[in-house]
Amino acid sequence: MLEGFWPVAAIVVVVLIYVLAKVVFYMRRSEQQWMDVDKSKLRSWDDDEDQGTGRD
């Protein structure tokens, strides 16, 4: 039974490392994109502006 465990465990570890690397990569990319945004053009959202959307 243990002879099949180690290859499967190794594959799981490799997949976890790959997923974590992708998450870190996209987090850094997102942070860089947010830093590049011209924040002077962003508008603030107030709850009062959302009246009349049908959501209660």
PDB file of N, CA and C in Angstrom:
ATOM      1  N   MET A   1       0.809  -1.195   0.000  1.00  0.00           N
ATOM      2  CA  MET A   1       0.000   0.000   0.000  1.00  0.00           C
ATOM      3  C   MET A   1       0.854   1.260   0.000  1.00  0.00           C
ATOM      4  N   LEU A   2       1.966   1.267   0.733  1.00  0.00           N
ATOM      5  CA  LEU A   2       2.823   2.444   0.798  1.00  0.00           C
ATOM      6  C   LEU A   2       3.598   2.683  -0.487  1.00  0.00           C
ATOM      7  N   GLU A   3       3.705   1.679  -1.337  1.00  0.00           N
ATOM      8  CA  GLU A   3       4.465   1.870  -2.576  1.00  0.00           C
ATOM      9  C   GLU A   3       3.757   2.846  -3.519  1.00  0.00           C
ATOM     10  N   GLY A   4       2.459   2.951  -3.440  1.00  0.00           N
ATOM     11  CA  GLY A   4       1.729   3.901  -4.265  1.00  0.00           C
ATOM     12  C   GLY A   4       1.499   5.238  -3.570  1.00  0.00           C
ATOM     13  N   PHE A   5       1.781   5.292  -2.283  1.00  0.00           N
ATOM     14  CA  PHE A   5       1.541   6.513  -1.514  1.00  0.00           C
ATOM     15  C   PHE A   5       2.522   7.620  -1.849  1.00  0.00           C
ATOM     16  N   TRP A   6       3.802   7.297  -1.937  1.00  0.00           N
ATOM     17  CA  TRP A   6       4.825   8.334  -2.127  1.00  0.00           C
ATOM     18  C   TRP A   6       4.730   9.042  -3.481  1.00  0.00           C
ATOM     19  N   PRO A   7       4.470   8.348  -4.574  1.00  0.00           N
ATOM     20  CA  PRO A   7       4.294   9.082  -5.838  1.00  0.00           C
ATOM     21  C   PRO A   7       3.072  10.012  -5.803  1.00  0.00           C
ATOM     22  N   VAL A   8       2.004   9.546  -5.203  1.00  0.00           N
ATOM     23  CA  VAL A   8       0.807  10.389  -5.100  1.00  0.00           C
ATOM     24  C   VAL A   8       1.079  11.582  -4.189  1.00  0.00           C
ATOM     25  N   ALA A   9       1.755  11.349  -3.083  1.00  0.00           N
ATOM     26  CA  ALA A   9       2.095  12.439  -2.170  1.00  0.00           C
ATOM     27  C   ALA A   9       2.997  13.463  -2.861  1.00  0.00           C
ATOM     28  N   ALA A  10       3.943  12.987  -3.670  1.00  0.00           N
ATOM     29  CA  ALA A  10       4.834  13.892  -4.391  1.00  0.00           C
ATOM     30  C   ALA A  10       4.060  14.729  -5.402  1.00  0.00           C
ATOM     31  N   ILE A  11       3.114  14.123  -6.089  1.00  0.00           N
ATOM     32  CA  ILE A  11       2.297  14.859  -7.064  1.00  0.00           C
ATOM     33  C   ILE A  11       1.461  15.912  -6.352  1.00  0.00           C
ATOM     34  N   VAL A  12       0.887  15.563  -5.210  1.00  0.00           N
ATOM     35  CA  VAL A  12       0.081  16.523  -4.443  1.00  0.00           C
ATOM     36  C   VAL A  12       0.946  17.698  -3.994  1.00  0.00           C
ATOM     37  N   VAL A  13       2.141  17.428  -3.531  1.00  0.00           N
ATOM     38  CA  VAL A  13       3.050  18.491  -3.087  1.00  0.00           C
ATOM     39  C   VAL A  13       3.415  19.396  -4.260  1.00  0.00           C
ATOM     40  N   VAL A  14       3.706  18.818  -5.408  1.00  0.00           N
ATOM     41  CA  VAL A  14       4.053  19.616  -6.589  1.00  0.00           C
ATOM     42  C   VAL A  14       2.872  20.494  -7.002  1.00  0.00           C
ATOM     43  N   VAL A  15       1.678  19.945  -6.987  1.00  0.00           N
ATOM     44  CA  VAL A  15       0.489  20.732  -7.356  1.00  0.00           C
ATOM     45  C   VAL A  15       0.266  21.857  -6.350  1.00  0.00           C
ATOM     46  N   LEU A  16       0.425  21.595  -5.077  1.00  0.00           N
ATOM     47  CA  LEU A  16       0.267  22.641  -4.066  1.00  0.00           C
ATOM     48  C   LEU A  16       1.295  23.758  -4.248  1.00  0.00           C
ATOM     49  N   ILE A  17       2.527  23.405  -4.513  1.00  0.00           N
ATOM     50  CA  ILE A  17       3.560  24.411  -4.748  1.00  0.00           C
ATOM     51  C   ILE A  17       3.229  25.237  -5.985  1.00  0.00           C
ATOM     52  N   TYR A  18       2.760  24.585  -7.043  1.00  0.00           N
ATOM     53  CA  TYR A  18       2.386  25.284  -8.272  1.00  0.00           C
ATOM     54  C   TYR A  18       1.238  26.265  -8.014  1.00  0.00           C
ATOM     55  N   VAL A  19       0.217  25.819  -7.298  1.00  0.00           N
ATOM     56  CA  VAL A  19      -0.938  26.676  -7.021  1.00  0.00           C
ATOM     57  C   VAL A  19      -0.520  27.863  -6.158  1.00  0.00           C
ATOM     58  N   LEU A  20       0.269  27.631  -5.127  1.00  0.00           N
ATOM     59  CA  LEU A  20       0.725  28.720  -4.278  1.00  0.00           C
ATOM     60  C   LEU A  20       1.579  29.716  -5.058  1.00  0.00           C
ATOM     61  N   ALA A  21       2.427  29.221  -5.959  1.00  0.00           N
ATOM     62  CA  ALA A  21       3.244  30.116  -6.782  1.00  0.00           C
ATOM     63  C   ALA A  21       2.367  30.974  -7.686  1.00  0.00           C
ATOM     64  N   LYS A  22       1.332  30.385  -8.260  1.00  0.00           N
ATOM     65  CA  LYS A  22       0.417  31.155  -9.116  1.00  0.00           C
ATOM     66  C   LYS A  22      -0.337  32.200  -8.305  1.00  0.00           C
ATOM     67  N   VAL A  23      -0.787  31.844  -7.110  1.00  0.00           N
ATOM     68  CA  VAL A  23      -1.501  32.799  -6.262  1.00  0.00           C
ATOM     69  C   VAL A  23      -0.608  33.985  -5.926  1.00  0.00           C
ATOM     70  N   VAL A  24       0.621  33.718  -5.545  1.00  0.00           N
ATOM     71  CA  VAL A  24       1.562  34.797  -5.231  1.00  0.00           C
ATOM     72  C   VAL A  24       1.827  35.651  -6.467  1.00  0.00           C
ATOM     73  N   PHE A  25       2.002  35.016  -7.614  1.00  0.00           N
ATOM     74  CA  PHE A  25       2.241  35.738  -8.864  1.00  0.00           C
ATOM     75  C   PHE A  25       1.094  36.681  -9.180  1.00  0.00           C
ATOM     76  N   TYR A  26      -0.149  36.187  -9.106  1.00  0.00           N
ATOM     77  CA  TYR A  26      -1.298  37.025  -9.430  1.00  0.00           C
ATOM     78  C   TYR A  26      -1.549  38.087  -8.367  1.00  0.00           C
ATOM     79  N   MET A  27      -1.218  37.813  -7.111  1.00  0.00           N
ATOM     80  CA  MET A  27      -1.335  38.841  -6.081  1.00  0.00           C
ATOM     81  C   MET A  27      -0.367  39.986  -6.363  1.00  0.00           C
ATOM     82  N   ARG A  28       0.859  39.652  -6.738  1.00  0.00           N
ATOM     83  CA  ARG A  28       1.839  40.696  -7.062  1.00  0.00           C
ATOM     84  C   ARG A  28       1.419  41.471  -8.297  1.00  0.00           C
ATOM     85  N   ARG A  29       0.914  40.787  -9.298  1.00  0.00           N
ATOM     86  CA  ARG A  29       0.453  41.451 -10.524  1.00  0.00           C
ATOM     87  C   ARG A  29      -0.711  42.394 -10.212  1.00  0.00           C
ATOM     88  N   SER A  30      -1.639  41.933  -9.388  1.00  0.00           N
ATOM     89  CA  SER A  30      -2.778  42.753  -9.015  1.00  0.00           C
ATOM     90  C   SER A  30      -2.328  43.997  -8.251  1.00  0.00           C
ATOM     91  N   GLU A  31      -1.407  43.815  -7.333  1.00  0.00           N
ATOM     92  CA  GLU A  31      -0.893  44.950  -6.561  1.00  0.00           C
ATOM     93  C   GLU A  31      -0.212  45.969  -7.486  1.00  0.00           C
ATOM     94  N   GLN A  32       0.557  45.484  -8.447  1.00  0.00           N
ATOM     95  CA  GLN A  32       1.223  46.382  -9.385  1.00  0.00           C
ATOM     96  C   GLN A  32       0.202  47.118 -10.251  1.00  0.00           C
ATOM     97  N   GLN A  33      -0.825  46.428 -10.707  1.00  0.00           N
ATOM     98  CA  GLN A  33      -1.861  47.077 -11.507  1.00  0.00           C
ATOM     99  C   GLN A  33      -2.594  48.126 -10.685  1.00  0.00           C
ATOM    100  N   TRP A  34      -2.833  47.838  -9.415  1.00  0.00           N
ATOM    101  CA  TRP A  34      -3.513  48.803  -8.572  1.00  0.00           C
ATOM    102  C   TRP A  34      -2.628  50.034  -8.365  1.00  0.00           C
ATOM    103  N   MET A  35      -1.324  49.835  -8.247  1.00  0.00           N
ATOM    104  CA  MET A  35      -0.418  50.965  -8.080  1.00  0.00           C
ATOM    105  C   MET A  35      -0.360  51.821  -9.347  1.00  0.00           C
ATOM    106  N   ASP A  36      -0.576  51.211 -10.508  1.00  0.00           N
ATOM    107  CA  ASP A  36      -0.516  51.922 -11.779  1.00  0.00           C
ATOM    108  C   ASP A  36      -1.801  52.682 -12.107  1.00  0.00           C
ATOM    109  N   VAL A  37      -2.871  52.443 -11.369  1.00  0.00           N
ATOM    110  CA  VAL A  37      -4.162  53.072 -11.657  1.00  0.00           C
ATOM    111  C   VAL A  37      -4.084  54.565 -11.325  1.00  0.00           C
ATOM    112  N   ASP A  38      -4.681  55.377 -12.191  1.00  0.00           N
ATOM    113  CA  ASP A  38      -4.788  56.803 -11.922  1.00  0.00           C
ATOM    114  C   ASP A  38      -5.914  57.005 -10.912  1.00  0.00           C
ATOM    115  N   LYS A  39      -5.555  57.077  -9.657  1.00  0.00           N
ATOM    116  CA  LYS A  39      -6.544  57.113  -8.585  1.00  0.00           C
ATOM    117  C   LYS A  39      -7.306  58.430  -8.539  1.00  0.00           C
ATOM    118  N   SER A  40      -6.847  59.438  -9.252  1.00  0.00           N
ATOM    119  CA  SER A  40      -7.571  60.708  -9.258  1.00  0.00           C
ATOM    120  C   SER A  40      -8.888  60.582 -10.012  1.00  0.00           C
ATOM    121  N   LYS A  41      -9.027  59.557 -10.846  1.00  0.00           N
ATOM    122  CA  LYS A  41     -10.249  59.378 -11.619  1.00  0.00           C
ATOM    123  C   LYS A  41     -11.253  58.445 -10.948  1.00  0.00           C
ATOM    124  N   LEU A  42     -10.883  57.898  -9.800  1.00  0.00           N
ATOM    125  CA  LEU A  42     -11.805  57.031  -9.069  1.00  0.00           C
ATOM    126  C   LEU A  42     -12.847  57.890  -8.380  1.00  0.00           C
ATOM    127  N   ARG A  43     -14.052  57.401  -8.300  1.00  0.00           N
ATOM    128  CA  ARG A  43     -15.089  58.132  -7.591  1.00  0.00           C
ATOM    129  C   ARG A  43     -15.441  57.389  -6.314  1.00  0.00           C
ATOM    130  N   SER A  44     -15.910  58.113  -5.355  1.00  0.00           N
ATOM    131  CA  SER A  44     -16.297  57.466  -4.101  1.00  0.00           C
ATOM    132  C   SER A  44     -17.751  57.049  -4.199  1.00  0.00           C
ATOM    133  N   TRP A  45     -18.048  55.934  -3.618  1.00  0.00           N
ATOM    134  CA  TRP A  45     -19.406  55.404  -3.642  1.00  0.00           C
ATOM    135  C   TRP A  45     -20.031  55.611  -2.281  1.00  0.00           C
ATOM    136  N   ASP A  46     -21.194  56.207  -2.287  1.00  0.00           N
ATOM    137  CA  ASP A  46     -21.957  56.381  -1.057  1.00  0.00           C
ATOM    138  C   ASP A  46     -23.186  55.492  -1.131  1.00  0.00           C
ATOM    139  N   ASP A  47     -23.642  55.040   0.021  1.00  0.00           N
ATOM    140  CA  ASP A  47     -24.825  54.186   0.054  1.00  0.00           C
ATOM    141  C   ASP A  47     -26.060  54.917  -0.465  1.00  0.00           C
ATOM    142  N   ASP A  48     -26.090  56.239  -0.312  1.00  0.00           N
ATOM    143  CA  ASP A  48     -27.252  57.007  -0.762  1.00  0.00           C
ATOM    144  C   ASP A  48     -27.425  56.956  -2.274  1.00  0.00           C
ATOM    145  N   GLU A  49     -26.365  56.792  -3.008  1.00  0.00           N
ATOM    146  CA  GLU A  49     -26.450  56.776  -4.465  1.00  0.00           C
ATOM    147  C   GLU A  49     -27.084  55.490  -4.994  1.00  0.00           C
ATOM    148  N   ASP A  50     -27.117  54.465  -4.184  1.00  0.00           N
ATOM    149  CA  ASP A  50     -27.628  53.181  -4.634  1.00  0.00           C
ATOM    150  C   ASP A  50     -29.140  53.043  -4.472  1.00  0.00           C
ATOM    151  N   GLN A  51     -29.816  54.066  -4.037  1.00  0.00           N
ATOM    152  CA  GLN A  51     -31.258  53.981  -3.846  1.00  0.00           C
ATOM    153  C   GLN A  51     -31.930  53.876  -5.208  1.00  0.00           C
ATOM    154  N   GLY A  52     -32.982  53.094  -5.254  1.00  0.00           N
ATOM    155  CA  GLY A  52     -33.728  52.922  -6.478  1.00  0.00           C
ATOM    156  C   GLY A  52     -33.241  51.793  -7.356  1.00  0.00           C
ATOM    157  N   THR A  53     -32.327  50.971  -6.849  1.00  0.00           N
ATOM    158  CA  THR A  53     -31.832  49.839  -7.635  1.00  0.00           C
ATOM    159  C   THR A  53     -32.699  48.609  -7.449  1.00  0.00           C
ATOM    160  N   GLY A  54     -33.665  48.694  -6.515  1.00  0.00           N
ATOM    161  CA  GLY A  54     -34.537  47.546  -6.291  1.00  0.00           C
ATOM    162  C   GLY A  54     -34.021  46.605  -5.221  1.00  0.00           C
ATOM    163  N   ARG A  55     -32.843  46.867  -4.719  1.00  0.00           N
ATOM    164  CA  ARG A  55     -32.304  46.017  -3.665  1.00  0.00           C
ATOM    165  C   ARG A  55     -32.626  46.632  -2.328  1.00  0.00           C
ATOM    166  N   ASP A  56     -33.131  45.846  -1.418  1.00  0.00           N
ATOM    167  CA  ASP A  56     -33.479  46.350  -0.082  1.00  0.00           C
ATOM    168  C   ASP A  56     -32.528  45.825   0.938  1.00  0.00           C
TER     169      ASP A  56
END
